[in-house]
Amino acid sequence: MIPVKASSGADPTALLSRFREIAPKQGFTVVEYGEIAGYPLLALTRRTAGVLPRIYLSAGSHGDEPAGPEALIKLLEAGFFDRRAVWFICPLLNPTGLARGTRENADGVDLNRDYRRPKTVEIAAHVAWLQKQPSFDLTFCLHEDWETSGFYLYELNGHRKPGFAEAMIQAVSTVCPIELSELIDGRPGKDGIIRPEDDPAKRELWPEAIYLRAHHGPRSYTTESPSMRPLPQRVAAQCLAVETAVRLLLEQKPA
């Protein structure tokens, strides 16, 4: 299949309204940590008493990647974000990009390269919100790639415990092809898994995952569904990746 870049064609206002409607019904508190071009920047949190894993998820950093926000909607509706953990969700980081169907925001900036020294309104507000949050046991950044025909992921795992990447790929393979190239997005990959340089000091431009690695915990997964595939298939792949990693985290015994 020949990769074809497609616009998301999504409506940020409608999508944000869905999050506002569904999240409180699932026990979440919804806050606006910022605003851009009339669109609220939302954070959803669900805190349960006790010593529980803290899990963070984000989506919509690139406006032409709608499967991530849609996967979060689906998981919310299914009640997946329950009392097993403490949840932190930023469901749509780039609403102006989503409105335009572009990777960049309305000013032409790639938000996922702005986390080291934020210059954009969106990421300055996001970082300010993150600075008020605790460390996380597991983080997800949900993305898509229009240049591949298969799903892949990035794993940052500074823990001594085993990672979840192989199990995530195995689960996703039941609903979506896996990208098996040895070079993925310009980086060495194996069986759909990229393990990039994770020392923040060696990176000039920080994506969100590197910021999280530097300030909020060493275990992070960036999922990449192939945007050339039908949207329901990509949403299913994203959901399975998240569900698998969360299940494995909860099965691990505390250190």
Foldseek 3Di string as FASTA:
>chain_A
DFFDQDFQQDAQVVLVVLCVVLQVVLQWDWDFLADDPRHTFIKIKHDDDDDAFEEEEEEALFLLWPLQLVLVSVCSVVSVPHRRHIYMYGRHLANQRVNVSGGAHPVRDRSQQQQPPHDDRSNVSVVVVVVVDAAGPEYEYEGADRRDQWKAKEKFDPDPDDAQRVVLLVQLVVLTHADADCADPNAGDHRRYGHDDQDLVVDPGHGPVNVSCVHHHGTYMYIYGHPVDDSVSSSVSVNSSVVRRVVVVSPDDDD
